PDB file of N, CA and C in Angstrom:
ATOM      1  N   MET A   1      20.111   6.102  -9.693  1.00  0.00           N
ATOM      2  CA  MET A   1      19.350   5.794  -8.384  1.00  0.00           C
ATOM      3  C   MET A   1      19.499   4.505  -8.226  1.00  0.00           C
ATOM      4  N   ASN A   2      19.695   3.910  -6.724  1.00  0.00           N
ATOM      5  CA  ASN A   2      19.901   2.473  -6.508  1.00  0.00           C
ATOM      6  C   ASN A   2      18.641   2.010  -6.811  1.00  0.00           C
ATOM      7  N   VAL A   3      18.932   0.474  -7.198  1.00  0.00           N
ATOM      8  CA  VAL A   3      17.946  -0.355  -7.521  1.00  0.00           C
ATOM      9  C   VAL A   3      16.834  -0.566  -6.510  1.00  0.00           C
ATOM     10  N   ALA A   4      16.860  -0.375  -5.090  1.00  0.00           N
ATOM     11  CA  ALA A   4      15.837  -0.372  -4.044  1.00  0.00           C
ATOM     12  C   ALA A   4      14.899   0.812  -4.357  1.00  0.00           C
ATOM     13  N   LEU A   5      15.370   1.828  -4.684  1.00  0.00           N
ATOM     14  CA  LEU A   5      14.941   3.052  -4.614  1.00  0.00           C
ATOM     15  C   LEU A   5      13.945   3.254  -6.271  1.00  0.00           C
ATOM     16  N   LYS A   6      14.255   2.169  -7.061  1.00  0.00           N
ATOM     17  CA  LYS A   6      13.412   2.335  -8.317  1.00  0.00           C
ATOM     18  C   LYS A   6      11.582   1.719  -7.834  1.00  0.00           C
ATOM     19  N   LEU A   7      11.432   0.961  -6.504  1.00  0.00           N
ATOM     20  CA  LEU A   7      10.506   0.687  -6.138  1.00  0.00           C
ATOM     21  C   LEU A   7       9.296   1.644  -5.492  1.00  0.00           C
ATOM     22  N   PRO A   8       8.260   1.860  -5.775  1.00  0.00           N
ATOM     23  CA  PRO A   8       7.293   2.760  -5.105  1.00  0.00           C
ATOM     24  C   PRO A   8       7.084   2.618  -3.592  1.00  0.00           C
ATOM     25  N   LEU A   9       8.306   3.160  -2.921  1.00  0.00           N
ATOM     26  CA  LEU A   9       8.011   2.740  -1.763  1.00  0.00           C
ATOM     27  C   LEU A   9       8.117   4.194  -0.858  1.00  0.00           C
ATOM     28  N   ARG A  10       7.831   4.455   0.325  1.00  0.00           N
ATOM     29  CA  ARG A  10       7.630   5.491   1.231  1.00  0.00           C
ATOM     30  C   ARG A  10       8.696   5.403   1.979  1.00  0.00           C
ATOM     31  N   PHE A  11       9.113   6.888   2.261  1.00  0.00           N
ATOM     32  CA  PHE A  11      10.450   7.266   3.097  1.00  0.00           C
ATOM     33  C   PHE A  11      10.272   8.579   4.142  1.00  0.00           C
ATOM     34  N   ARG A  12      11.002   8.586   4.994  1.00  0.00           N
ATOM     35  CA  ARG A  12      10.747   9.454   5.746  1.00  0.00           C
ATOM     36  C   ARG A  12      12.248   9.978   6.251  1.00  0.00           C
ATOM     37  N   MET A  13      12.525  11.163   6.744  1.00  0.00           N
ATOM     38  CA  MET A  13      13.972  11.464   7.002  1.00  0.00           C
ATOM     39  C   MET A  13      14.087  11.987   8.361  1.00  0.00           C
ATOM     40  N   LYS A  14      15.181  12.110   9.327  1.00  0.00           N
ATOM     41  CA  LYS A  14      15.464  12.850  10.409  1.00  0.00           C
ATOM     42  C   LYS A  14      16.407  13.553  10.362  1.00  0.00           C
ATOM     43  N   TRP A  15      16.107  14.914  10.251  1.00  0.00           N
ATOM     44  CA  TRP A  15      17.063  15.871   9.838  1.00  0.00           C
ATOM     45  C   TRP A  15      17.907  16.280  11.213  1.00  0.00           C
ATOM     46  N   VAL A  16      19.357  16.324  11.273  1.00  0.00           N
ATOM     47  CA  VAL A  16      20.004  16.596  12.430  1.00  0.00           C
ATOM     48  C   VAL A  16      19.581  17.796  13.318  1.00  0.00           C
ATOM     49  N   PHE A  17      18.935  18.796  12.792  1.00  0.00           N
ATOM     50  CA  PHE A  17      18.792  19.952  13.437  1.00  0.00           C
ATOM     51  C   PHE A  17      17.340  20.117  13.997  1.00  0.00           C
ATOM     52  N   ASP A  18      16.558  18.852  13.385  1.00  0.00           N
ATOM     53  CA  ASP A  18      15.087  19.145  13.817  1.00  0.00           C
ATOM     54  C   ASP A  18      14.827  17.923  14.929  1.00  0.00           C
ATOM     55  N   ALA A  19      14.150  18.179  16.172  1.00  0.00           N
ATOM     56  CA  ALA A  19      13.596  16.828  16.858  1.00  0.00           C
ATOM     57  C   ALA A  19      12.856  15.880  16.719  1.00  0.00           C
ATOM     58  N   GLU A  20      11.669  16.284  15.454  1.00  0.00           N
ATOM     59  CA  GLU A  20      11.095  15.247  15.054  1.00  0.00           C
ATOM     60  C   GLU A  20      11.351  14.845  13.535  1.00  0.00           C
ATOM     61  N   PRO A  21      10.891  13.708  13.106  1.00  0.00           N
ATOM     62  CA  PRO A  21      11.486  13.309  11.527  1.00  0.00           C
ATOM     63  C   PRO A  21      10.167  14.041  11.193  1.00  0.00           C
ATOM     64  N   ALA A  22      10.723  14.159   9.635  1.00  0.00           N
ATOM     65  CA  ALA A  22       9.690  14.648   8.389  1.00  0.00           C
ATOM     66  C   ALA A  22       8.640  13.762   8.287  1.00  0.00           C
ATOM     67  N   SER A  23       7.270  13.994   7.575  1.00  0.00           N
ATOM     68  CA  SER A  23       6.465  13.091   7.372  1.00  0.00           C
ATOM     69  C   SER A  23       6.883  11.973   6.086  1.00  0.00           C
ATOM     70  N   TRP A  24       6.099  10.933   6.208  1.00  0.00           N
ATOM     71  CA  TRP A  24       6.063   9.896   5.166  1.00  0.00           C
ATOM     72  C   TRP A  24       5.901  10.495   3.688  1.00  0.00           C
ATOM     73  N   GLY A  25       6.714  10.327   2.819  1.00  0.00           N
ATOM     74  CA  GLY A  25       6.498  10.829   1.511  1.00  0.00           C
ATOM     75  C   GLY A  25       7.608  10.061   0.378  1.00  0.00           C
ATOM     76  N   LEU A  26       7.623  10.626  -0.599  1.00  0.00           N
ATOM     77  CA  LEU A  26       8.485  10.073  -1.669  1.00  0.00           C
ATOM     78  C   LEU A  26       9.769  10.653  -1.564  1.00  0.00           C
ATOM     79  N   LEU A  27      10.744   9.896  -1.951  1.00  0.00           N
ATOM     80  CA  LEU A  27      12.139  10.404  -1.732  1.00  0.00           C
ATOM     81  C   LEU A  27      12.696  11.021  -3.195  1.00  0.00           C
ATOM     82  N   ILE A  28      12.993  12.541  -3.214  1.00  0.00           N
ATOM     83  CA  ILE A  28      13.513  13.211  -4.156  1.00  0.00           C
ATOM     84  C   ILE A  28      14.726  13.550  -4.289  1.00  0.00           C
ATOM     85  N   ILE A  29      15.642  13.282  -5.430  1.00  0.00           N
ATOM     86  CA  ILE A  29      16.921  13.736  -5.242  1.00  0.00           C
ATOM     87  C   ILE A  29      17.495  14.706  -6.469  1.00  0.00           C
ATOM     88  N   PRO A  30      16.908  16.103  -6.097  1.00  0.00           N
ATOM     89  CA  PRO A  30      16.938  17.203  -6.799  1.00  0.00           C
ATOM     90  C   PRO A  30      18.446  17.265  -7.646  1.00  0.00           C
ATOM     91  N   THR A  31      19.658  17.073  -7.208  1.00  0.00           N
ATOM     92  CA  THR A  31      20.810  17.101  -7.590  1.00  0.00           C
ATOM     93  C   THR A  31      21.747  16.205  -6.730  1.00  0.00           C
ATOM     94  N   GLN A  32      22.888  16.047  -7.360  1.00  0.00           N
ATOM     95  CA  GLN A  32      23.849  15.220  -6.469  1.00  0.00           C
ATOM     96  C   GLN A  32      24.291  15.596  -4.927  1.00  0.00           C
ATOM     97  N   GLY A  33      24.072  15.041  -4.083  1.00  0.00           N
ATOM     98  CA  GLY A  33      24.437  15.439  -2.654  1.00  0.00           C
ATOM     99  C   GLY A  33      23.349  15.852  -1.948  1.00  0.00           C
ATOM    100  N   TYR A  34      22.263  15.958  -2.482  1.00  0.00           N
ATOM    101  CA  TYR A  34      20.888  16.593  -2.051  1.00  0.00           C
ATOM    102  C   TYR A  34      19.826  15.696  -2.141  1.00  0.00           C
ATOM    103  N   VAL A  35      19.120  15.713  -1.005  1.00  0.00           N
ATOM    104  CA  VAL A  35      17.557  14.989  -1.225  1.00  0.00           C
ATOM    105  C   VAL A  35      16.643  15.880  -0.409  1.00  0.00           C
ATOM    106  N   GLU A  36      15.522  15.575  -0.922  1.00  0.00           N
ATOM    107  CA  GLU A  36      14.313  15.981  -0.662  1.00  0.00           C
ATOM    108  C   GLU A  36      13.231  14.873  -0.019  1.00  0.00           C
ATOM    109  N   GLY A  37      12.402  15.278   0.875  1.00  0.00           N
ATOM    110  CA  GLY A  37      11.492  14.216   1.311  1.00  0.00           C
ATOM    111  C   GLY A  37      10.397  14.795   2.148  1.00  0.00           C
ATOM    112  N   GLY A  38       9.234  14.462   2.191  1.00  0.00           N
ATOM    113  CA  GLY A  38       8.215  15.038   3.189  1.00  0.00           C
ATOM    114  C   GLY A  38       8.428  16.227   3.046  1.00  0.00           C
ATOM    115  N   THR A  39       8.398  17.351   4.201  1.00  0.00           N
ATOM    116  CA  THR A  39       8.374  18.821   4.204  1.00  0.00           C
ATOM    117  C   THR A  39      10.069  19.182   4.263  1.00  0.00           C
ATOM    118  N   LEU A  40      10.950  18.540   4.030  1.00  0.00           N
ATOM    119  CA  LEU A  40      12.324  18.844   4.151  1.00  0.00           C
ATOM    120  C   LEU A  40      12.787  18.905   2.489  1.00  0.00           C
ATOM    121  N   GLY A  41      13.794  19.839   2.216  1.00  0.00           N
ATOM    122  CA  GLY A  41      14.498  19.546   1.283  1.00  0.00           C
ATOM    123  C   GLY A  41      14.568  21.049   0.620  1.00  0.00           C
ATOM    124  N   PRO A  42      15.554  21.466  -0.207  1.00  0.00           N
ATOM    125  CA  PRO A  42      16.628  19.883  -0.391  1.00  0.00           C
ATOM    126  C   PRO A  42      17.848  20.127   0.732  1.00  0.00           C
ATOM    127  N   ILE A  43      18.240  19.022   1.077  1.00  0.00           N
ATOM    128  CA  ILE A  43      19.172  19.131   2.455  1.00  0.00           C
ATOM    129  C   ILE A  43      20.361  18.266   1.844  1.00  0.00           C
ATOM    130  N   THR A  44      21.429  18.624   2.485  1.00  0.00           N
ATOM    131  CA  THR A  44      22.558  17.934   2.006  1.00  0.00           C
ATOM    132  C   THR A  44      22.602  16.506   2.738  1.00  0.00           C
ATOM    133  N   TYR A  45      23.200  15.329   2.286  1.00  0.00           N
ATOM    134  CA  TYR A  45      23.223  14.095   2.782  1.00  0.00           C
ATOM    135  C   TYR A  45      23.672  13.920   4.256  1.00  0.00           C
ATOM    136  N   ARG A  46      24.709  15.092   4.560  1.00  0.00           N
ATOM    137  CA  ARG A  46      25.467  15.136   5.770  1.00  0.00           C
ATOM    138  C   ARG A  46      24.573  15.515   6.900  1.00  0.00           C
ATOM    139  N   GLU A  47      23.371  16.135   6.578  1.00  0.00           N
ATOM    140  CA  GLU A  47      22.400  16.759   7.427  1.00  0.00           C
ATOM    141  C   GLU A  47      21.069  15.632   7.810  1.00  0.00           C
ATOM    142  N   ILE A  48      21.306  14.678   7.441  1.00  0.00           N
ATOM    143  CA  ILE A  48      20.288  13.602   7.659  1.00  0.00           C
ATOM    144  C   ILE A  48      20.676  12.373   8.829  1.00  0.00           C
ATOM    145  N   GLU A  49      19.922  12.331   9.793  1.00  0.00           N
ATOM    146  CA  GLU A  49      20.572  11.625  11.019  1.00  0.00           C
ATOM    147  C   GLU A  49      20.120  10.127  10.884  1.00  0.00           C
ATOM    148  N   TRP A  50      19.007   9.949  10.085  1.00  0.00           N
ATOM    149  CA  TRP A  50      18.636   8.384   9.491  1.00  0.00           C
ATOM    150  C   TRP A  50      17.358   8.941   8.609  1.00  0.00           C
ATOM    151  N   LEU A  51      17.130   7.582   7.798  1.00  0.00           N
ATOM    152  CA  LEU A  51      16.164   7.630   6.704  1.00  0.00           C
ATOM    153  C   LEU A  51      15.534   6.393   6.891  1.00  0.00           C
ATOM    154  N   GLU A  52      14.231   6.358   6.874  1.00  0.00           N
ATOM    155  CA  GLU A  52      13.486   5.153   7.104  1.00  0.00           C
ATOM    156  C   GLU A  52      12.901   4.731   5.700  1.00  0.00           C
ATOM    157  N   ILE A  53      12.749   3.411   5.255  1.00  0.00           N
ATOM    158  CA  ILE A  53      12.142   2.641   4.253  1.00  0.00           C
ATOM    159  C   ILE A  53      11.014   2.160   4.597  1.00  0.00           C
ATOM    160  N   ASP A  54       9.773   2.467   4.092  1.00  0.00           N
ATOM    161  CA  ASP A  54       8.864   1.326   4.426  1.00  0.00           C
ATOM    162  C   ASP A  54       8.745   0.435   2.962  1.00  0.00           C
ATOM    163  N   SER A  55       9.127  -0.796   3.296  1.00  0.00           N
ATOM    164  CA  SER A  55       9.442  -1.752   2.523  1.00  0.00           C
ATOM    165  C   SER A  55       8.039  -2.459   1.959  1.00  0.00           C
ATOM    166  N   VAL A  56       6.870  -1.782   2.230  1.00  0.00           N
ATOM    167  CA  VAL A  56       5.525  -2.540   2.084  1.00  0.00           C
ATOM    168  C   VAL A  56       5.251  -1.463   0.600  1.00  0.00           C
ATOM    169  N   GLU A  57       4.763  -1.832  -0.400  1.00  0.00           N
ATOM    170  CA  GLU A  57       4.337  -1.071  -1.632  1.00  0.00           C
ATOM    171  C   GLU A  57       2.711  -1.179  -1.477  1.00  0.00           C
ATOM    172  N   ARG A  58       2.203  -0.116  -1.569  1.00  0.00           N
ATOM    173  CA  ARG A  58       0.494  -0.250  -0.995  1.00  0.00           C
ATOM    174  C   ARG A  58       0.102   0.264  -2.563  1.00  0.00           C
ATOM    175  N   ARG A  59      -0.741  -0.352  -3.151  1.00  0.00           N
ATOM    176  CA  ARG A  59      -1.486  -0.047  -4.433  1.00  0.00           C
ATOM    177  C   ARG A  59      -2.891  -0.131  -4.163  1.00  0.00           C
ATOM    178  N   CYS A  60      -3.435   1.140  -4.469  1.00  0.00           N
ATOM    179  CA  CYS A  60      -5.062   1.434  -4.354  1.00  0.00           C
ATOM    180  C   CYS A  60      -5.572   0.615  -5.346  1.00  0.00           C
ATOM    181  N   ARG A  61      -6.444  -0.337  -4.862  1.00  0.00           N
ATOM    182  CA  ARG A  61      -7.468  -1.087  -5.815  1.00  0.00           C
ATOM    183  C   ARG A  61      -8.965  -0.543  -5.710  1.00  0.00           C
ATOM    184  N   GLY A  62      -9.204   0.716  -5.420  1.00  0.00           N
ATOM    185  CA  GLY A  62     -10.494   1.064  -5.090  1.00  0.00           C
ATOM    186  C   GLY A  62     -11.102   1.560  -4.045  1.00  0.00           C
ATOM    187  N   THR A  63     -12.245   2.118  -3.626  1.00  0.00           N
ATOM    188  CA  THR A  63     -12.787   2.598  -2.478  1.00  0.00           C
ATOM    189  C   THR A  63     -13.697   1.387  -1.663  1.00  0.00           C
ATOM    190  N   LEU A  64     -13.986   0.298  -2.470  1.00  0.00           N
ATOM    191  CA  LEU A  64     -14.308  -0.724  -1.681  1.00  0.00           C
ATOM    192  C   LEU A  64     -13.576  -2.111  -1.390  1.00  0.00           C
ATOM    193  N   VAL A  65     -12.295  -1.895  -1.840  1.00  0.00           N
ATOM    194  CA  VAL A  65     -11.567  -2.917  -1.534  1.00  0.00           C
ATOM    195  C   VAL A  65     -10.111  -2.409  -0.851  1.00  0.00           C
ATOM    196  N   SER A  66      -9.593  -3.218  -0.031  1.00  0.00           N
ATOM    197  CA  SER A  66      -8.506  -2.685   0.541  1.00  0.00           C
ATOM    198  C   SER A  66      -7.498  -2.911  -0.383  1.00  0.00           C
ATOM    199  N   ASP A  67      -6.272  -1.950  -0.049  1.00  0.00           N
ATOM    200  CA  ASP A  67      -5.198  -1.841  -0.688  1.00  0.00           C
ATOM    201  C   ASP A  67      -4.316  -2.882  -0.954  1.00  0.00           C
ATOM    202  N   LEU A  68      -3.844  -3.264  -1.988  1.00  0.00           N
ATOM    203  CA  LEU A  68      -2.827  -4.303  -2.256  1.00  0.00           C
ATOM    204  C   LEU A  68      -1.502  -3.939  -1.813  1.00  0.00           C
ATOM    205  N   GLU A  69      -1.137  -5.057  -1.117  1.00  0.00           N
ATOM    206  CA  GLU A  69       0.039  -4.821  -0.300  1.00  0.00           C
ATOM    207  C   GLU A  69       1.010  -5.831  -0.471  1.00  0.00           C
ATOM    208  N   ILE A  70       2.473  -5.143  -1.464  1.00  0.00           N
ATOM    209  CA  ILE A  70       3.139  -5.962  -1.564  1.00  0.00           C
ATOM    210  C   ILE A  70       4.669  -5.780  -0.823  1.00  0.00           C
ATOM    211  N   ASP A  71       5.082  -6.890  -0.420  1.00  0.00           N
ATOM    212  CA  ASP A  71       6.238  -6.763   0.461  1.00  0.00           C
ATOM    213  C   ASP A  71       7.438  -6.863  -0.025  1.00  0.00           C
ATOM    214  N   HIS A  72       8.366  -5.991  -0.178  1.00  0.00           N
ATOM    215  CA  HIS A  72       9.801  -5.951  -0.735  1.00  0.00           C
ATOM    216  C   HIS A  72      10.676  -5.954   0.277  1.00  0.00           C
ATOM    217  N   SER A  73      10.480  -6.386   1.249  1.00  0.00           N
ATOM    218  CA  SER A  73      11.493  -6.397   2.533  1.00  0.00           C
ATOM    219  C   SER A  73      12.683  -7.135   2.189  1.00  0.00           C
ATOM    220  N   GLU A  74      12.564  -8.398   1.516  1.00  0.00           N
ATOM    221  CA  GLU A  74      13.752  -8.865   1.164  1.00  0.00           C
ATOM    222  C   GLU A  74      14.748  -8.290   0.183  1.00  0.00           C
ATOM    223  N   LYS A  75      13.933  -7.583  -0.817  1.00  0.00           N
ATOM    224  CA  LYS A  75      15.148  -6.708  -1.679  1.00  0.00           C
ATOM    225  C   LYS A  75      15.734  -5.568  -0.984  1.00  0.00           C
ATOM    226  N   VAL A  76      14.851  -4.742  -0.265  1.00  0.00           N
ATOM    227  CA  VAL A  76      15.494  -3.570   0.658  1.00  0.00           C
ATOM    228  C   VAL A  76      16.703  -4.331   1.464  1.00  0.00           C
ATOM    229  N   GLU A  77      16.567  -5.316   2.286  1.00  0.00           N
ATOM    230  CA  GLU A  77      17.511  -5.466   3.106  1.00  0.00           C
ATOM    231  C   GLU A  77      18.705  -6.486   2.347  1.00  0.00           C
ATOM    232  N   SER A  78      18.365  -6.647   1.338  1.00  0.00           N
ATOM    233  CA  SER A  78      19.434  -7.455   0.304  1.00  0.00           C
ATOM    234  C   SER A  78      20.546  -6.177   0.026  1.00  0.00           C
ATOM    235  N   VAL A  79      19.931  -4.977  -0.423  1.00  0.00           N
ATOM    236  CA  VAL A  79      20.532  -3.933  -0.944  1.00  0.00           C
ATOM    237  C   VAL A  79      21.306  -3.348   0.388  1.00  0.00           C
ATOM    238  N   LEU A  80      20.789  -3.151   1.145  1.00  0.00           N
ATOM    239  CA  LEU A  80      20.978  -2.628   2.369  1.00  0.00           C
ATOM    240  C   LEU A  80      22.504  -3.325   3.066  1.00  0.00           C
ATOM    241  N   THR A  81      22.032  -4.581   3.210  1.00  0.00           N
ATOM    242  CA  THR A  81      23.257  -5.584   3.360  1.00  0.00           C
ATOM    243  C   THR A  81      24.471  -5.749   2.463  1.00  0.00           C
ATOM    244  N   ALA A  82      24.183  -5.468   1.066  1.00  0.00           N
ATOM    245  CA  ALA A  82      25.194  -5.265   0.281  1.00  0.00           C
ATOM    246  C   ALA A  82      26.030  -4.382   0.346  1.00  0.00           C
ATOM    247  N   HIS A  83      25.379  -3.240   0.631  1.00  0.00           N
ATOM    248  CA  HIS A  83      26.341  -2.186   0.728  1.00  0.00           C
ATOM    249  C   HIS A  83      26.853  -1.758   2.348  1.00  0.00           C
ATOM    250  N   ARG A  84      26.689  -3.062   2.866  1.00  0.00           N
ATOM    251  CA  ARG A  84      27.286  -2.982   4.809  1.00  0.00           C
ATOM    252  C   ARG A  84      26.840  -1.656   5.533  1.00  0.00           C
ATOM    253  N   MET A  85      25.468  -1.277   5.189  1.00  0.00           N
ATOM    254  CA  MET A  85      24.810  -0.461   5.897  1.00  0.00           C
ATOM    255  C   MET A  85      24.596  -0.581   7.210  1.00  0.00           C
ATOM    256  N   THR A  86      24.689   0.229   8.090  1.00  0.00           N
ATOM    257  CA  THR A  86      23.831  -0.032   9.612  1.00  0.00           C
ATOM    258  C   THR A  86      22.450   0.489   9.291  1.00  0.00           C
ATOM    259  N   PHE A  87      21.689  -0.530   9.715  1.00  0.00           N
ATOM    260  CA  PHE A  87      20.559  -0.389   9.617  1.00  0.00           C
ATOM    261  C   PHE A  87      19.386  -1.370  10.777  1.00  0.00           C
ATOM    262  N   SER A  88      18.313  -0.980  11.038  1.00  0.00           N
ATOM    263  CA  SER A  88      17.638  -1.568  12.182  1.00  0.00           C
ATOM    264  C   SER A  88      15.998  -1.904  11.511  1.00  0.00           C
ATOM    265  N   VAL A  89      15.430  -2.879  11.819  1.00  0.00           N
ATOM    266  CA  VAL A  89      14.017  -3.134  11.190  1.00  0.00           C
ATOM    267  C   VAL A  89      13.157  -3.407  11.974  1.00  0.00           C
ATOM    268  N   GLU A  90      11.852  -2.602  11.901  1.00  0.00           N
ATOM    269  CA  GLU A  90      10.790  -2.916  12.842  1.00  0.00           C
ATOM    270  C   GLU A  90       9.515  -2.730  11.889  1.00  0.00           C
ATOM    271  N   SER A  91       8.612  -3.831  11.981  1.00  0.00           N
ATOM    272  CA  SER A  91       7.256  -3.814  11.173  1.00  0.00           C
ATOM    273  C   SER A  91       7.714  -3.612   9.672  1.00  0.00           C
ATOM    274  N   LYS A  92       8.748  -4.093   9.182  1.00  0.00           N
ATOM    275  CA  LYS A  92       9.066  -4.048   7.732  1.00  0.00           C
ATOM    276  C   LYS A  92       9.192  -2.625   7.547  1.00  0.00           C
ATOM    277  N   VAL A  93       9.801  -1.684   8.543  1.00  0.00           N
ATOM    278  CA  VAL A  93      10.149  -0.534   7.893  1.00  0.00           C
ATOM    279  C   VAL A  93      11.696  -0.446   8.447  1.00  0.00           C
ATOM    280  N   TYR A  94      12.867  -0.358   7.403  1.00  0.00           N
ATOM    281  CA  TYR A  94      14.041  -0.219   7.750  1.00  0.00           C
ATOM    282  C   TYR A  94      14.615   1.045   7.915  1.00  0.00           C
ATOM    283  N   ARG A  95      15.230   1.351   8.937  1.00  0.00           N
ATOM    284  CA  ARG A  95      15.909   2.730   9.420  1.00  0.00           C
ATOM    285  C   ARG A  95      17.415   2.617   9.139  1.00  0.00           C
ATOM    286  N   VAL A  96      17.980   3.540   8.344  1.00  0.00           N
ATOM    287  CA  VAL A  96      19.460   3.435   7.962  1.00  0.00           C
ATOM    288  C   VAL A  96      19.980   4.392   8.742  1.00  0.00           C
ATOM    289  N   PHE A  97      21.087   4.289   9.496  1.00  0.00           N
ATOM    290  CA  PHE A  97      21.827   5.123  10.037  1.00  0.00           C
ATOM    291  C   PHE A  97      23.019   5.881   9.655  1.00  0.00           C
ATOM    292  N   GLY A  98      23.430   6.904  10.174  1.00  0.00           N
ATOM    293  CA  GLY A  98      24.516   7.474   9.458  1.00  0.00           C
ATOM    294  C   GLY A  98      24.322   8.576   8.899  1.00  0.00           C
ATOM    295  N   TYR A  99      25.495   9.564   8.797  1.00  0.00           N
ATOM    296  CA  TYR A  99      25.282  10.587   7.732  1.00  0.00           C
ATOM    297  C   TYR A  99      25.822  10.228   6.146  1.00  0.00           C
ATOM    298  N   LYS A 100      26.659  10.872   5.667  1.00  0.00           N
ATOM    299  CA  LYS A 100      26.975  10.994   4.518  1.00  0.00           C
ATOM    300  C   LYS A 100      27.051   9.668   4.035  1.00  0.00           C
ATOM    301  N   GLU A 101      27.759   8.730   4.665  1.00  0.00           N
ATOM    302  CA  GLU A 101      28.357   7.342   4.281  1.00  0.00           C
ATOM    303  C   GLU A 101      27.201   6.550   3.614  1.00  0.00           C
ATOM    304  N   ALA A 102      26.258   6.122   4.558  1.00  0.00           N
ATOM    305  CA  ALA A 102      25.461   5.372   4.435  1.00  0.00           C
ATOM    306  C   ALA A 102      24.044   5.967   3.615  1.00  0.00           C
ATOM    307  N   ILE A 103      23.706   7.115   4.057  1.00  0.00           N
ATOM    308  CA  ILE A 103      22.828   7.810   3.098  1.00  0.00           C
ATOM    309  C   ILE A 103      23.358   8.042   1.687  1.00  0.00           C
ATOM    310  N   SER A 104      24.311   8.401   1.423  1.00  0.00           N
ATOM    311  CA  SER A 104      24.658   8.799  -0.076  1.00  0.00           C
ATOM    312  C   SER A 104      24.738   7.437  -0.987  1.00  0.00           C
ATOM    313  N   VAL A 105      24.874   6.374  -0.401  1.00  0.00           N
ATOM    314  CA  VAL A 105      24.736   4.767  -0.888  1.00  0.00           C
ATOM    315  C   VAL A 105      23.403   4.904  -1.254  1.00  0.00           C
ATOM    316  N   VAL A 106      22.389   4.930  -0.465  1.00  0.00           N
ATOM    317  CA  VAL A 106      20.890   4.725  -0.626  1.00  0.00           C
ATOM    318  C   VAL A 106      20.628   5.778  -1.674  1.00  0.00           C
ATOM    319  N   CYS A 107      21.158   6.981  -1.570  1.00  0.00           N
ATOM    320  CA  CYS A 107      20.566   7.851  -2.564  1.00  0.00           C
ATOM    321  C   CYS A 107      21.237   8.095  -4.029  1.00  0.00           C
ATOM    322  N   LYS A 108      21.977   7.203  -4.042  1.00  0.00           N
ATOM    323  CA  LYS A 108      23.154   7.177  -5.414  1.00  0.00           C
ATOM    324  C   LYS A 108      22.478   7.284  -6.486  1.00  0.00           C
ATOM    325  N   GLN A 109      22.712   8.066  -7.422  1.00  0.00           N
ATOM    326  CA  GLN A 109      22.169   8.377  -8.694  1.00  0.00           C
ATOM    327  C   GLN A 109      22.964   7.327  -9.697  1.00  0.00           C
ATOM    328  N   THR A 110      22.305   7.082 -10.850  1.00  0.00           N
ATOM    329  CA  THR A 110      23.129   6.408 -11.703  1.00  0.00           C
ATOM    330  C   THR A 110      23.563   7.317 -13.006  1.00  0.00           C
TER     331      THR A 110
END
């Protein structure tokens, strides 16, 4: 799996056949060429319109203290840029565009 995905970040996907994106959750790669996330899966890379990555990790510290927020946006952006992916960013959420080419790099297994 790509280095950026080893971070405990939230993801959501927009499937090409659905009007609305899936809910935020973990990204699971059950086998090469397929991905699961939110309520979708398994689906092939070519069926993904876009993938969003929330670059802020949230760690629960208890019920009386707010979550610890760790910003991984520099790491996420460096990986996306290094692979020459088409993406946009809004409020530290990165949206990776494309079908098989871009998504397969984000979801690459080692």
